[in-house]
Amino acid sequence: MSESDRMMQFKLVLEIELSMLRSM
């Protein structure tokens, strides 16, 4: 797994967490 792939996954997780927080 390359470094850029890890960053992409990290951003995806962050966005999901943010959307979940907003819907609360």
PDB file of N, CA and C in Angstrom:
ATOM      1  N   MET A   1       0.854  -1.200   0.000  1.00  0.00           N
ATOM      2  CA  MET A   1       0.000   0.000   0.000  1.00  0.00           C
ATOM      3  C   MET A   1       0.886   1.246   0.000  1.00  0.00           C
ATOM      4  N   SER A   2       0.653   2.110  -0.950  1.00  0.00           N
ATOM      5  CA  SER A   2       1.492   3.309  -1.057  1.00  0.00           C
ATOM      6  C   SER A   2       1.021   4.407  -0.107  1.00  0.00           C
ATOM      7  N   GLU A   3       1.860   5.422   0.039  1.00  0.00           N
ATOM      8  CA  GLU A   3       1.545   6.509   0.967  1.00  0.00           C
ATOM      9  C   GLU A   3       0.309   7.292   0.532  1.00  0.00           C
ATOM     10  N   SER A   4       0.179   7.520  -0.767  1.00  0.00           N
ATOM     11  CA  SER A   4      -0.977   8.271  -1.270  1.00  0.00           C
ATOM     12  C   SER A   4      -2.282   7.517  -1.028  1.00  0.00           C
ATOM     13  N   ASP A   5      -2.225   6.192  -1.163  1.00  0.00           N
ATOM     14  CA  ASP A   5      -3.435   5.398  -0.910  1.00  0.00           C
ATOM     15  C   ASP A   5      -3.871   5.544   0.540  1.00  0.00           C
ATOM     16  N   ARG A   6      -2.897   5.554   1.427  1.00  0.00           N
ATOM     17  CA  ARG A   6      -3.208   5.702   2.844  1.00  0.00           C
ATOM     18  C   ARG A   6      -3.856   7.052   3.115  1.00  0.00           C
ATOM     19  N   MET A   7      -3.344   8.084   2.463  1.00  0.00           N
ATOM     20  CA  MET A   7      -3.908   9.415   2.643  1.00  0.00           C
ATOM     21  C   MET A   7      -5.337   9.484   2.130  1.00  0.00           C
ATOM     22  N   MET A   8      -5.587   8.839   1.002  1.00  0.00           N
ATOM     23  CA  MET A   8      -6.933   8.816   0.449  1.00  0.00           C
ATOM     24  C   MET A   8      -7.891   8.134   1.420  1.00  0.00           C
ATOM     25  N   GLN A   9      -7.472   7.008   1.954  1.00  0.00           N
ATOM     26  CA  GLN A   9      -8.330   6.293   2.908  1.00  0.00           C
ATOM     27  C   GLN A   9      -8.558   7.144   4.153  1.00  0.00           C
ATOM     28  N   PHE A  10      -7.517   7.800   4.613  1.00  0.00           N
ATOM     29  CA  PHE A  10      -7.624   8.644   5.797  1.00  0.00           C
ATOM     30  C   PHE A  10      -8.638   9.762   5.575  1.00  0.00           C
ATOM     31  N   LYS A  11      -8.579  10.388   4.412  1.00  0.00           N
ATOM     32  CA  LYS A  11      -9.527  11.467   4.104  1.00  0.00           C
ATOM     33  C   LYS A  11     -10.947  10.920   4.022  1.00  0.00           C
ATOM     34  N   LEU A  12     -11.097   9.744   3.443  1.00  0.00           N
ATOM     35  CA  LEU A  12     -12.416   9.139   3.348  1.00  0.00           C
ATOM     36  C   LEU A  12     -13.004   8.909   4.734  1.00  0.00           C
ATOM     37  N   VAL A  13     -12.202   8.339   5.608  1.00  0.00           N
ATOM     38  CA  VAL A  13     -12.670   8.079   6.971  1.00  0.00           C
ATOM     39  C   VAL A  13     -13.039   9.376   7.674  1.00  0.00           C
ATOM     40  N   LEU A  14     -12.223  10.404   7.483  1.00  0.00           N
ATOM     41  CA  LEU A  14     -12.506  11.690   8.109  1.00  0.00           C
ATOM     42  C   LEU A  14     -13.840  12.257   7.630  1.00  0.00           C
ATOM     43  N   GLU A  15     -14.082  12.175   6.350  1.00  0.00           N
ATOM     44  CA  GLU A  15     -15.336  12.698   5.807  1.00  0.00           C
ATOM     45  C   GLU A  15     -16.532  11.932   6.350  1.00  0.00           C
ATOM     46  N   ILE A  16     -16.382  10.616   6.470  1.00  0.00           N
ATOM     47  CA  ILE A  16     -17.476   9.808   7.001  1.00  0.00           C
ATOM     48  C   ILE A  16     -17.746  10.182   8.456  1.00  0.00           C
ATOM     49  N   GLU A  17     -16.685  10.342   9.219  1.00  0.00           N
ATOM     50  CA  GLU A  17     -16.840  10.724  10.623  1.00  0.00           C
ATOM     51  C   GLU A  17     -17.530  12.084  10.737  1.00  0.00           C
ATOM     52  N   LEU A  18     -17.132  13.021   9.904  1.00  0.00           N
ATOM     53  CA  LEU A  18     -17.732  14.357   9.936  1.00  0.00           C
ATOM     54  C   LEU A  18     -19.215  14.310   9.593  1.00  0.00           C
ATOM     55  N   SER A  19     -19.566  13.569   8.578  1.00  0.00           N
ATOM     56  CA  SER A  19     -20.976  13.481   8.185  1.00  0.00           C
ATOM     57  C   SER A  19     -21.808  12.823   9.284  1.00  0.00           C
ATOM     58  N   MET A  20     -21.222  11.841   9.961  1.00  0.00           N
ATOM     59  CA  MET A  20     -21.944  11.183  11.048  1.00  0.00           C
ATOM     60  C   MET A  20     -22.157  12.154  12.201  1.00  0.00           C
ATOM     61  N   LEU A  21     -21.140  12.960  12.481  1.00  0.00           N
ATOM     62  CA  LEU A  21     -21.269  13.944  13.556  1.00  0.00           C
ATOM     63  C   LEU A  21     -22.343  14.976  13.220  1.00  0.00           C
ATOM     64  N   ARG A  22     -22.400  15.383  11.971  1.00  0.00           N
ATOM     65  CA  ARG A  22     -23.383  16.395  11.570  1.00  0.00           C
ATOM     66  C   ARG A  22     -24.810  15.865  11.677  1.00  0.00           C
ATOM     67  N   SER A  23     -24.985  14.581  11.385  1.00  0.00           N
ATOM     68  CA  SER A  23     -26.344  14.021  11.384  1.00  0.00           C
ATOM     69  C   SER A  23     -26.862  13.771  12.803  1.00  0.00           C
ATOM     70  N   MET A  24     -25.968  13.882  13.787  1.00  0.00           N
ATOM     71  CA  MET A  24     -26.409  13.657  15.167  1.00  0.00           C
ATOM     72  C   MET A  24     -27.251  14.830  15.669  1.00  0.00           C
TER      73      MET A  24
END
